[in-house]
Amino acid sequence: MRPVKILTDSCSDLSRELREKYDIDYARMKTVYNGKEEWASLDFEFYTPRQLYDIMRQGNRILTTQVPPDEFTRIFTAYLDQGFDIIYIGCSLKQSGSVNTGAVVARTLLESRPDASIYCVDSMNACMGEGLLAIRGAGYRDQGLSAKEIYDRLIAERKTINQYVTVHSLDYLKRAGRVKASAAFLGNLLGVKPILIADAKGSQVAFKKVKGRQNSFHEIVTMLKDSIIDAESQTVYLSHADCPAEEVDSVVKLLKEEVHCKDVYVNYIGPIIGASIGPDAIGIWAIGKEITFEG
């Protein structure tokens, strides 16, 4: 059986520490600002988190691209040439066409490699939801499962990724087409904070609204507490878009007090997801009950 390489993309928001720990690589998307393209690095090579989010705080918009075909060719070829089968876990097709692009490139590359396999998985998630599914795939690889067996398990489990995200302002979601302008204005005026989930179709949807920033923190923790399975054995992943340290610490404290998870891992929301959701967003992810809600 051929060894398996787990790949994801810039939407996964896996830190270097996590990628090295779980032996995961990623295909890069791009950001575009002031007409200049940069690779969307999960290591913040071109912008620090503060620089990235301050650009948006100043009223500017950063555009993004999906994974270019040449980037898929580069990374797939590198691992195929080393003798690997590949599992690529991509951002939800509701938010990016990268999984489809990857599948097209894979078919071309496999024409001359009949003994190799590339499986492209629509994670139906983004940010650490996508990253968490990649970590699950890495675990199955380490158990000795084949690429096909890993693919089948990830397809079966992708709706068990539970996401609860709250944002400081609706303006960035409005600009990205997530909410109507009138709803954004009213929400900000009244201090309403939407709670976003990844629904059963893979879309990011506003599941409910809570008034007040601190109340939104309590709400996302309560929702995770109600849905998480076997919390004591799980690491909960918390990602944020350059939030103040005291806010991050308060959510970590709530998680430890209310959810009783094994650990909480904190990292930044990367440049692709951050460009849509905006600064000061904060979210938590874990394995839980299967998602059935459709927005």
C-alpha atoms as a PDB file:
ATOM      1  CA  MET A   1       0.000   0.000   0.000  1.00  0.00           C
ATOM      2  CA  ARG A   2       1.289   3.446  -0.912  1.00  0.00           C
ATOM      3  CA  PRO A   3       1.879   5.987   1.883  1.00  0.00           C
ATOM      4  CA  VAL A   4      -0.667   8.803   2.167  1.00  0.00           C
ATOM      5  CA  LYS A   5      -0.052  12.540   2.228  1.00  0.00           C
ATOM      6  CA  ILE A   6      -2.705  14.814   3.739  1.00  0.00           C
ATOM      7  CA  LEU A   7      -3.075  18.182   2.039  1.00  0.00           C
ATOM      8  CA  THR A   8      -5.405  21.090   2.643  1.00  0.00           C
ATOM      9  CA  ASP A   9      -5.456  24.746   1.498  1.00  0.00           C
ATOM     10  CA  SER A  10      -5.127  28.333   2.737  1.00  0.00           C
ATOM     11  CA  CYS A  11      -8.679  28.297   4.091  1.00  0.00           C
ATOM     12  CA  SER A  12      -7.811  25.665   6.709  1.00  0.00           C
ATOM     13  CA  ASP A  13      -5.988  28.125   9.006  1.00  0.00           C
ATOM     14  CA  LEU A  14      -3.666  25.403  10.289  1.00  0.00           C
ATOM     15  CA  SER A  15      -0.695  26.979  12.018  1.00  0.00           C
ATOM     16  CA  ARG A  16       2.840  25.811  11.252  1.00  0.00           C
ATOM     17  CA  GLU A  17       2.845  24.081  14.643  1.00  0.00           C
ATOM     18  CA  LEU A  18      -0.239  22.031  13.766  1.00  0.00           C
ATOM     19  CA  ARG A  19       0.953  21.268  10.233  1.00  0.00           C
ATOM     20  CA  GLU A  20       4.258  19.971  11.547  1.00  0.00           C
ATOM     21  CA  LYS A  21       2.646  18.027  14.385  1.00  0.00           C
ATOM     22  CA  TYR A  22       0.239  16.220  12.046  1.00  0.00           C
ATOM     23  CA  ASP A  23       2.453  16.170   8.915  1.00  0.00           C
ATOM     24  CA  ILE A  24       0.016  18.175   6.772  1.00  0.00           C
ATOM     25  CA  ASP A  25       0.894  20.411   3.819  1.00  0.00           C
ATOM     26  CA  TYR A  26      -1.322  22.924   2.021  1.00  0.00           C
ATOM     27  CA  ALA A  27      -2.049  24.369  -1.422  1.00  0.00           C
ATOM     28  CA  ARG A  28      -1.888  28.147  -1.437  1.00  0.00           C
ATOM     29  CA  MET A  29      -4.570  30.590  -2.466  1.00  0.00           C
ATOM     30  CA  LYS A  30      -3.829  34.275  -3.099  1.00  0.00           C
ATOM     31  CA  THR A  31      -4.772  37.649  -1.670  1.00  0.00           C
ATOM     32  CA  VAL A  32      -5.044  40.788  -3.789  1.00  0.00           C
ATOM     33  CA  TYR A  33      -4.621  44.257  -2.300  1.00  0.00           C
ATOM     34  CA  ASN A  34      -3.943  47.476  -4.187  1.00  0.00           C
ATOM     35  CA  GLY A  35      -3.527  45.415  -7.345  1.00  0.00           C
ATOM     36  CA  LYS A  36      -0.724  43.301  -5.839  1.00  0.00           C
ATOM     37  CA  GLU A  37      -1.068  39.530  -5.504  1.00  0.00           C
ATOM     38  CA  GLU A  38       0.530  37.641  -2.622  1.00  0.00           C
ATOM     39  CA  TRP A  39       0.365  33.991  -1.650  1.00  0.00           C
ATOM     40  CA  ALA A  40      -2.118  33.488   1.192  1.00  0.00           C
ATOM     41  CA  SER A  41       0.409  32.194   3.677  1.00  0.00           C
ATOM     42  CA  LEU A  42      -0.789  30.489   6.837  1.00  0.00           C
ATOM     43  CA  ASP A  43       2.502  31.612   8.385  1.00  0.00           C
ATOM     44  CA  PHE A  44       1.731  35.298   7.687  1.00  0.00           C
ATOM     45  CA  GLU A  45       4.852  35.746   5.552  1.00  0.00           C
ATOM     46  CA  PHE A  46       3.567  38.849   3.767  1.00  0.00           C
ATOM     47  CA  TYR A  47       1.443  40.485   6.460  1.00  0.00           C
ATOM     48  CA  THR A  48       1.455  40.084  10.204  1.00  0.00           C
ATOM     49  CA  PRO A  49      -2.020  39.437  11.629  1.00  0.00           C
ATOM     50  CA  ARG A  50      -2.116  42.999  12.941  1.00  0.00           C
ATOM     51  CA  GLN A  51      -1.117  44.461   9.550  1.00  0.00           C
ATOM     52  CA  LEU A  52      -3.662  42.328   7.704  1.00  0.00           C
ATOM     53  CA  TYR A  53      -6.583  43.223   9.929  1.00  0.00           C
ATOM     54  CA  ASP A  54      -5.593  46.871  10.286  1.00  0.00           C
ATOM     55  CA  ILE A  55      -5.882  47.207   6.496  1.00  0.00           C
ATOM     56  CA  MET A  56      -9.536  46.228   6.876  1.00  0.00           C
ATOM     57  CA  ARG A  57     -10.046  48.333   9.987  1.00  0.00           C
ATOM     58  CA  GLN A  58      -9.015  51.326   7.884  1.00  0.00           C
ATOM     59  CA  GLY A  59     -11.896  50.635   5.492  1.00  0.00           C
ATOM     60  CA  ASN A  60      -9.955  48.793   2.790  1.00  0.00           C
ATOM     61  CA  ARG A  61     -10.961  45.538   1.170  1.00  0.00           C
ATOM     62  CA  ILE A  62      -8.672  42.591   0.485  1.00  0.00           C
ATOM     63  CA  LEU A  63      -9.728  40.307  -2.366  1.00  0.00           C
ATOM     64  CA  THR A  64      -8.962  36.608  -2.559  1.00  0.00           C
ATOM     65  CA  THR A  65      -8.548  33.863  -5.164  1.00  0.00           C
ATOM     66  CA  GLN A  66      -9.019  30.123  -5.092  1.00  0.00           C
ATOM     67  CA  VAL A  67      -6.048  27.765  -5.456  1.00  0.00           C
ATOM     68  CA  PRO A  68      -4.583  28.296  -8.953  1.00  0.00           C
ATOM     69  CA  PRO A  69      -4.295  25.192 -11.186  1.00  0.00           C
ATOM     70  CA  ASP A  70      -0.501  25.619 -11.351  1.00  0.00           C
ATOM     71  CA  GLU A  71      -0.325  25.490  -7.558  1.00  0.00           C
ATOM     72  CA  PHE A  72      -2.247  22.210  -7.510  1.00  0.00           C
ATOM     73  CA  THR A  73       0.059  20.850 -10.212  1.00  0.00           C
ATOM     74  CA  ARG A  74       3.096  21.844  -8.146  1.00  0.00           C
ATOM     75  CA  ILE A  75       2.026  20.328  -4.863  1.00  0.00           C
ATOM     76  CA  PHE A  76       0.340  17.200  -6.249  1.00  0.00           C
ATOM     77  CA  THR A  77       3.334  16.411  -8.469  1.00  0.00           C
ATOM     78  CA  ALA A  78       5.777  16.887  -5.591  1.00  0.00           C
ATOM     79  CA  TYR A  79       4.105  14.201  -3.497  1.00  0.00           C
ATOM     80  CA  LEU A  80       3.163  11.849  -6.329  1.00  0.00           C
ATOM     81  CA  ASP A  81       6.830  11.817  -7.357  1.00  0.00           C
ATOM     82  CA  GLN A  82       7.727  10.755  -3.806  1.00  0.00           C
ATOM     83  CA  GLY A  83       5.368   7.789  -4.081  1.00  0.00           C
ATOM     84  CA  PHE A  84       2.438   9.124  -2.066  1.00  0.00           C
ATOM     85  CA  ASP A  85      -1.265   8.796  -2.594  1.00  0.00           C
ATOM     86  CA  ILE A  86      -2.927  12.116  -1.773  1.00  0.00           C
ATOM     87  CA  ILE A  87      -5.952  13.213   0.239  1.00  0.00           C
ATOM     88  CA  TYR A  88      -6.739  16.882  -0.426  1.00  0.00           C
ATOM     89  CA  ILE A  89      -9.232  18.354   2.039  1.00  0.00           C
ATOM     90  CA  GLY A  90     -10.496  21.630   0.622  1.00  0.00           C
ATOM     91  CA  CYS A  91     -12.689  24.529   1.610  1.00  0.00           C
ATOM     92  CA  SER A  92     -16.435  23.993   1.223  1.00  0.00           C
ATOM     93  CA  LEU A  93     -17.595  24.160  -2.374  1.00  0.00           C
ATOM     94  CA  LYS A  94     -20.219  26.651  -1.196  1.00  0.00           C
ATOM     95  CA  GLN A  95     -17.367  29.083  -0.557  1.00  0.00           C
ATOM     96  CA  SER A  96     -14.590  28.146  -2.994  1.00  0.00           C
ATOM     97  CA  GLY A  97     -14.219  26.264  -6.272  1.00  0.00           C
ATOM     98  CA  SER A  98     -10.820  24.910  -5.274  1.00  0.00           C
ATOM     99  CA  VAL A  99     -11.985  21.325  -4.701  1.00  0.00           C
ATOM    100  CA  ASN A 100     -13.328  21.163  -8.252  1.00  0.00           C
ATOM    101  CA  THR A 101     -10.128  22.690  -9.639  1.00  0.00           C
ATOM    102  CA  GLY A 102      -8.078  20.191  -7.666  1.00  0.00           C
ATOM    103  CA  ALA A 103     -10.106  17.295  -9.036  1.00  0.00           C
ATOM    104  CA  VAL A 104      -9.556  18.464 -12.633  1.00  0.00           C
ATOM    105  CA  VAL A 105      -5.789  18.758 -12.097  1.00  0.00           C
ATOM    106  CA  ALA A 106      -5.733  15.391 -10.335  1.00  0.00           C
ATOM    107  CA  ARG A 107      -7.384  13.607 -13.264  1.00  0.00           C
ATOM    108  CA  THR A 108      -4.777  15.017 -15.652  1.00  0.00           C
ATOM    109  CA  LEU A 109      -1.836  14.044 -13.462  1.00  0.00           C
ATOM    110  CA  LEU A 110      -3.150  10.527 -12.829  1.00  0.00           C
ATOM    111  CA  GLU A 111      -3.392   9.732 -16.535  1.00  0.00           C
ATOM    112  CA  SER A 112       0.337   8.989 -16.501  1.00  0.00           C
ATOM    113  CA  ARG A 113       0.308   7.463 -12.990  1.00  0.00           C
ATOM    114  CA  PRO A 114      -2.215   4.611 -13.039  1.00  0.00           C
ATOM    115  CA  ASP A 115      -1.031   3.196  -9.716  1.00  0.00           C
ATOM    116  CA  ALA A 116      -1.493   6.449  -7.788  1.00  0.00           C
ATOM    117  CA  SER A 117      -4.590   8.036  -6.238  1.00  0.00           C
ATOM    118  CA  ILE A 118      -5.690  11.570  -5.420  1.00  0.00           C
ATOM    119  CA  TYR A 119      -8.934  12.047  -3.489  1.00  0.00           C
ATOM    120  CA  CYS A 120     -10.378  15.557  -3.258  1.00  0.00           C
ATOM    121  CA  VAL A 121     -12.658  16.061  -0.245  1.00  0.00           C
ATOM    122  CA  ASP A 122     -15.206  18.873  -0.013  1.00  0.00           C
ATOM    123  CA  SER A 123     -14.846  19.524   3.727  1.00  0.00           C
ATOM    124  CA  MET A 124     -18.175  21.417   3.806  1.00  0.00           C
ATOM    125  CA  ASN A 125     -16.317  23.668   6.230  1.00  0.00           C
ATOM    126  CA  ALA A 126     -13.780  26.484   6.311  1.00  0.00           C
ATOM    127  CA  CYS A 127     -11.238  27.903   8.742  1.00  0.00           C
ATOM    128  CA  MET A 128     -10.475  25.466  11.584  1.00  0.00           C
ATOM    129  CA  GLY A 129     -13.476  23.334  10.601  1.00  0.00           C
ATOM    130  CA  GLU A 130     -11.591  22.425   7.451  1.00  0.00           C
ATOM    131  CA  GLY A 131      -8.361  22.182   9.440  1.00  0.00           C
ATOM    132  CA  LEU A 132      -9.943  19.881  12.010  1.00  0.00           C
ATOM    133  CA  LEU A 133     -11.125  17.513   9.277  1.00  0.00           C
ATOM    134  CA  ALA A 134      -7.560  17.443   7.920  1.00  0.00           C
ATOM    135  CA  ILE A 135      -6.287  16.581  11.402  1.00  0.00           C
ATOM    136  CA  ARG A 136      -8.812  13.727  11.507  1.00  0.00           C
ATOM    137  CA  GLY A 137      -7.470  12.528   8.169  1.00  0.00           C
ATOM    138  CA  ALA A 138      -3.921  12.627   9.512  1.00  0.00           C
ATOM    139  CA  GLY A 139      -5.020  10.484  12.442  1.00  0.00           C
ATOM    140  CA  TYR A 140      -6.488   7.855  10.132  1.00  0.00           C
ATOM    141  CA  ARG A 141      -3.313   7.906   8.039  1.00  0.00           C
ATOM    142  CA  ASP A 142      -1.277   7.246  11.179  1.00  0.00           C
ATOM    143  CA  GLN A 143      -3.550   4.284  11.941  1.00  0.00           C
ATOM    144  CA  GLY A 144      -2.463   2.766   8.611  1.00  0.00           C
ATOM    145  CA  LEU A 145      -5.653   3.320   6.606  1.00  0.00           C
ATOM    146  CA  SER A 146      -5.436   3.548   2.831  1.00  0.00           C
ATOM    147  CA  ALA A 147      -6.258   6.720   0.925  1.00  0.00           C
ATOM    148  CA  LYS A 148      -9.646   5.322  -0.091  1.00  0.00           C
ATOM    149  CA  GLU A 149     -10.465   4.306   3.476  1.00  0.00           C
ATOM    150  CA  ILE A 150      -9.506   7.773   4.763  1.00  0.00           C
ATOM    151  CA  TYR A 151     -11.585   9.443   2.050  1.00  0.00           C
ATOM    152  CA  ASP A 152     -14.658   7.369   2.948  1.00  0.00           C
ATOM    153  CA  ARG A 153     -14.340   8.192   6.646  1.00  0.00           C
ATOM    154  CA  LEU A 154     -13.911  11.910   6.067  1.00  0.00           C
ATOM    155  CA  ILE A 155     -16.949  12.052   3.790  1.00  0.00           C
ATOM    156  CA  ALA A 156     -18.962  10.264   6.481  1.00  0.00           C
ATOM    157  CA  GLU A 157     -17.724  12.529   9.295  1.00  0.00           C
ATOM    158  CA  ARG A 158     -17.527  15.991   7.738  1.00  0.00           C
ATOM    159  CA  LYS A 159     -20.935  17.051   9.075  1.00  0.00           C
ATOM    160  CA  THR A 160     -19.821  16.306  12.650  1.00  0.00           C
ATOM    161  CA  ILE A 161     -17.548  19.349  12.662  1.00  0.00           C
ATOM    162  CA  ASN A 162     -19.332  21.850  14.917  1.00  0.00           C
ATOM    163  CA  GLN A 163     -18.546  25.533  14.351  1.00  0.00           C
ATOM    164  CA  TYR A 164     -19.682  28.567  16.335  1.00  0.00           C
ATOM    165  CA  VAL A 165     -18.314  31.951  15.263  1.00  0.00           C
ATOM    166  CA  THR A 166     -19.231  35.465  16.276  1.00  0.00           C
ATOM    167  CA  VAL A 167     -18.125  38.691  14.610  1.00  0.00           C
ATOM    168  CA  HIS A 168     -17.574  42.163  16.005  1.00  0.00           C
ATOM    169  CA  SER A 169     -19.094  43.939  13.001  1.00  0.00           C
ATOM    170  CA  LEU A 170     -21.410  42.855  10.216  1.00  0.00           C
ATOM    171  CA  ASP A 171     -19.802  45.303   7.761  1.00  0.00           C
ATOM    172  CA  TYR A 172     -17.249  42.832   6.405  1.00  0.00           C
ATOM    173  CA  LEU A 173     -19.829  40.110   5.866  1.00  0.00           C
ATOM    174  CA  LYS A 174     -21.944  42.685   4.047  1.00  0.00           C
ATOM    175  CA  ARG A 175     -19.061  43.553   1.719  1.00  0.00           C
ATOM    176  CA  ALA A 176     -18.478  39.863   1.046  1.00  0.00           C
ATOM    177  CA  GLY A 177     -22.168  39.397   0.210  1.00  0.00           C
ATOM    178  CA  ARG A 178     -23.020  37.466   3.377  1.00  0.00           C
ATOM    179  CA  VAL A 179     -25.694  39.852   4.702  1.00  0.00           C
ATOM    180  CA  LYS A 180     -27.768  42.651   3.221  1.00  0.00           C
ATOM    181  CA  ALA A 181     -26.646  46.247   3.746  1.00  0.00           C
ATOM    182  CA  SER A 182     -29.808  47.088   5.685  1.00  0.00           C
ATOM    183  CA  ALA A 183     -29.333  44.116   7.998  1.00  0.00           C
ATOM    184  CA  ALA A 184     -25.712  45.073   8.616  1.00  0.00           C
ATOM    185  CA  PHE A 185     -26.618  48.657   9.480  1.00  0.00           C
ATOM    186  CA  LEU A 186     -29.407  47.648  11.840  1.00  0.00           C
ATOM    187  CA  GLY A 187     -27.310  44.953  13.465  1.00  0.00           C
ATOM    188  CA  ASN A 188     -24.398  47.266  14.165  1.00  0.00           C
ATOM    189  CA  LEU A 189     -26.726  50.006  15.400  1.00  0.00           C
ATOM    190  CA  LEU A 190     -28.334  47.694  17.922  1.00  0.00           C
ATOM    191  CA  GLY A 191     -25.123  45.896  18.899  1.00  0.00           C
ATOM    192  CA  VAL A 192     -26.388  42.601  17.473  1.00  0.00           C
ATOM    193  CA  LYS A 193     -23.756  39.889  17.017  1.00  0.00           C
ATOM    194  CA  PRO A 194     -24.610  37.018  14.654  1.00  0.00           C
ATOM    195  CA  ILE A 195     -23.572  33.451  15.473  1.00  0.00           C
ATOM    196  CA  LEU A 196     -22.336  31.757  12.307  1.00  0.00           C
ATOM    197  CA  ILE A 197     -22.336  28.012  11.748  1.00  0.00           C
ATOM    198  CA  ALA A 198     -21.389  25.743   8.856  1.00  0.00           C
ATOM    199  CA  ASP A 199     -24.739  24.224   7.878  1.00  0.00           C
ATOM    200  CA  ALA A 200     -25.571  20.814   6.422  1.00  0.00           C
ATOM    201  CA  LYS A 201     -25.002  22.125   2.883  1.00  0.00           C
ATOM    202  CA  GLY A 202     -21.582  23.562   3.667  1.00  0.00           C
ATOM    203  CA  SER A 203     -22.728  27.183   3.712  1.00  0.00           C
ATOM    204  CA  GLN A 204     -21.765  29.741   6.338  1.00  0.00           C
ATOM    205  CA  VAL A 205     -25.055  30.946   7.801  1.00  0.00           C
ATOM    206  CA  ALA A 206     -26.183  33.212  10.612  1.00  0.00           C
ATOM    207  CA  PHE A 207     -27.877  30.700  12.913  1.00  0.00           C
ATOM    208  CA  LYS A 208     -28.948  33.204  15.557  1.00  0.00           C
ATOM    209  CA  LYS A 209     -28.262  36.731  16.777  1.00  0.00           C
ATOM    210  CA  VAL A 210     -27.190  37.835  20.239  1.00  0.00           C
ATOM    211  CA  LYS A 211     -27.081  41.374  21.612  1.00  0.00           C
ATOM    212  CA  GLY A 212     -23.705  42.366  22.995  1.00  0.00           C
ATOM    213  CA  ARG A 213     -20.128  41.198  22.528  1.00  0.00           C
ATOM    214  CA  GLN A 214     -19.733  39.372  25.864  1.00  0.00           C
ATOM    215  CA  ASN A 215     -23.113  37.709  25.451  1.00  0.00           C
ATOM    216  CA  SER A 216     -21.974  36.378  22.082  1.00  0.00           C
ATOM    217  CA  PHE A 217     -18.942  34.763  23.730  1.00  0.00           C
ATOM    218  CA  HIS A 218     -21.142  33.029  26.271  1.00  0.00           C
ATOM    219  CA  GLU A 219     -23.528  31.936  23.516  1.00  0.00           C
ATOM    220  CA  ILE A 220     -20.914  30.252  21.308  1.00  0.00           C
ATOM    221  CA  VAL A 221     -19.539  28.369  24.325  1.00  0.00           C
ATOM    222  CA  THR A 222     -23.033  27.303  25.408  1.00  0.00           C
ATOM    223  CA  MET A 223     -23.851  26.082  21.903  1.00  0.00           C
ATOM    224  CA  LEU A 224     -20.649  24.050  21.741  1.00  0.00           C
ATOM    225  CA  LYS A 225     -21.292  22.638  25.205  1.00  0.00           C
ATOM    226  CA  ASP A 226     -24.693  21.406  23.993  1.00  0.00           C
ATOM    227  CA  SER A 227     -23.346  19.781  20.834  1.00  0.00           C
ATOM    228  CA  ILE A 228     -19.841  18.463  21.594  1.00  0.00           C
ATOM    229  CA  ILE A 229     -19.352  14.710  21.992  1.00  0.00           C
ATOM    230  CA  ASP A 230     -16.842  13.217  24.450  1.00  0.00           C
ATOM    231  CA  ALA A 231     -15.517  16.633  25.419  1.00  0.00           C
ATOM    232  CA  GLU A 232     -12.949  15.296  27.901  1.00  0.00           C
ATOM    233  CA  SER A 233     -10.987  13.626  25.112  1.00  0.00           C
ATOM    234  CA  GLN A 234     -11.087  16.565  22.694  1.00  0.00           C
ATOM    235  CA  THR A 235      -9.038  19.626  21.920  1.00  0.00           C
ATOM    236  CA  VAL A 236     -11.303  22.554  21.111  1.00  0.00           C
ATOM    237  CA  TYR A 237      -9.832  24.843  18.455  1.00  0.00           C
ATOM    238  CA  LEU A 238     -10.251  28.592  18.874  1.00  0.00           C
ATOM    239  CA  SER A 239      -9.360  30.896  15.976  1.00  0.00           C
ATOM    240  CA  HIS A 240      -9.590  34.667  16.016  1.00  0.00           C
ATOM    241  CA  ALA A 241      -9.044  37.650  13.739  1.00  0.00           C
ATOM    242  CA  ASP A 242      -6.634  39.711  15.838  1.00  0.00           C
ATOM    243  CA  CYS A 243      -8.946  39.976  18.838  1.00  0.00           C
ATOM    244  CA  PRO A 244      -7.680  41.629  22.038  1.00  0.00           C
ATOM    245  CA  ALA A 245      -5.868  39.133  24.280  1.00  0.00           C
ATOM    246  CA  GLU A 246      -8.353  39.653  27.101  1.00  0.00           C
ATOM    247  CA  GLU A 247     -11.250  38.601  24.830  1.00  0.00           C
ATOM    248  CA  VAL A 248      -9.436  35.469  23.695  1.00  0.00           C
ATOM    249  CA  ASP A 249      -8.541  34.632  27.290  1.00  0.00           C
ATOM    250  CA  SER A 250     -12.136  35.076  28.396  1.00  0.00           C
ATOM    251  CA  VAL A 251     -13.406  32.584  25.803  1.00  0.00           C
ATOM    252  CA  VAL A 252     -10.663  30.086  26.710  1.00  0.00           C
ATOM    253  CA  LYS A 253     -11.660  30.443  30.371  1.00  0.00           C
ATOM    254  CA  LEU A 254     -15.331  29.858  29.539  1.00  0.00           C
ATOM    255  CA  LEU A 255     -14.469  26.772  27.497  1.00  0.00           C
ATOM    256  CA  LYS A 256     -12.444  25.255  30.320  1.00  0.00           C
ATOM    257  CA  GLU A 257     -15.124  26.046  32.902  1.00  0.00           C
ATOM    258  CA  GLU A 258     -18.195  25.072  30.875  1.00  0.00           C
ATOM    259  CA  VAL A 259     -17.146  22.493  28.287  1.00  0.00           C
ATOM    260  CA  HIS A 260     -14.454  20.672  30.286  1.00  0.00           C
ATOM    261  CA  CYS A 261     -12.517  19.785  27.152  1.00  0.00           C
ATOM    262  CA  LYS A 262      -9.074  18.204  27.250  1.00  0.00           C
ATOM    263  CA  ASP A 263      -7.387  21.299  25.858  1.00  0.00           C
ATOM    264  CA  VAL A 264      -7.964  24.556  23.959  1.00  0.00           C
ATOM    265  CA  TYR A 265      -5.707  25.397  21.016  1.00  0.00           C
ATOM    266  CA  VAL A 266      -5.594  29.067  20.005  1.00  0.00           C
ATOM    267  CA  ASN A 267      -4.472  30.442  16.643  1.00  0.00           C
ATOM    268  CA  TYR A 268      -5.244  33.172  14.114  1.00  0.00           C
ATOM    269  CA  ILE A 269      -7.861  33.219  11.386  1.00  0.00           C
ATOM    270  CA  GLY A 270      -5.751  33.361   8.238  1.00  0.00           C
ATOM    271  CA  PRO A 271      -5.771  35.807   5.326  1.00  0.00           C
ATOM    272  CA  ILE A 272      -8.404  34.118   3.127  1.00  0.00           C
ATOM    273  CA  ILE A 273     -11.130  33.625   5.730  1.00  0.00           C
ATOM    274  CA  GLY A 274     -10.116  36.841   7.456  1.00  0.00           C
ATOM    275  CA  ALA A 275     -10.665  38.863   4.289  1.00  0.00           C
ATOM    276  CA  SER A 276     -14.352  37.871   4.323  1.00  0.00           C
ATOM    277  CA  ILE A 277     -15.142  37.792   8.004  1.00  0.00           C
ATOM    278  CA  GLY A 278     -13.137  40.842   9.076  1.00  0.00           C
ATOM    279  CA  PRO A 279     -11.164  41.773  12.195  1.00  0.00           C
ATOM    280  CA  ASP A 280     -12.189  40.767  15.707  1.00  0.00           C
ATOM    281  CA  ALA A 281     -14.125  37.651  14.700  1.00  0.00           C
ATOM    282  CA  ILE A 282     -13.703  34.714  17.055  1.00  0.00           C
ATOM    283  CA  GLY A 283     -14.809  31.102  16.641  1.00  0.00           C
ATOM    284  CA  ILE A 284     -14.583  27.668  18.214  1.00  0.00           C
ATOM    285  CA  TRP A 285     -14.599  24.201  16.614  1.00  0.00           C
ATOM    286  CA  ALA A 286     -14.890  20.619  17.842  1.00  0.00           C
ATOM    287  CA  ILE A 287     -16.360  17.241  16.911  1.00  0.00           C
ATOM    288  CA  GLY A 288     -19.991  16.954  17.927  1.00  0.00           C
ATOM    289  CA  LYS A 289     -23.495  16.026  16.874  1.00  0.00           C
ATOM    290  CA  GLU A 290     -24.097  15.752  13.138  1.00  0.00           C
ATOM    291  CA  ILE A 291     -25.182  19.044  11.592  1.00  0.00           C
ATOM    292  CA  THR A 292     -28.691  18.873  10.146  1.00  0.00           C
ATOM    293  CA  PHE A 293     -29.654  22.565   9.963  1.00  0.00           C
ATOM    294  CA  GLU A 294     -29.922  24.024   6.471  1.00  0.00           C
ATOM    295  CA  GLY A 295     -29.884  27.798   6.228  1.00  0.00           C
END
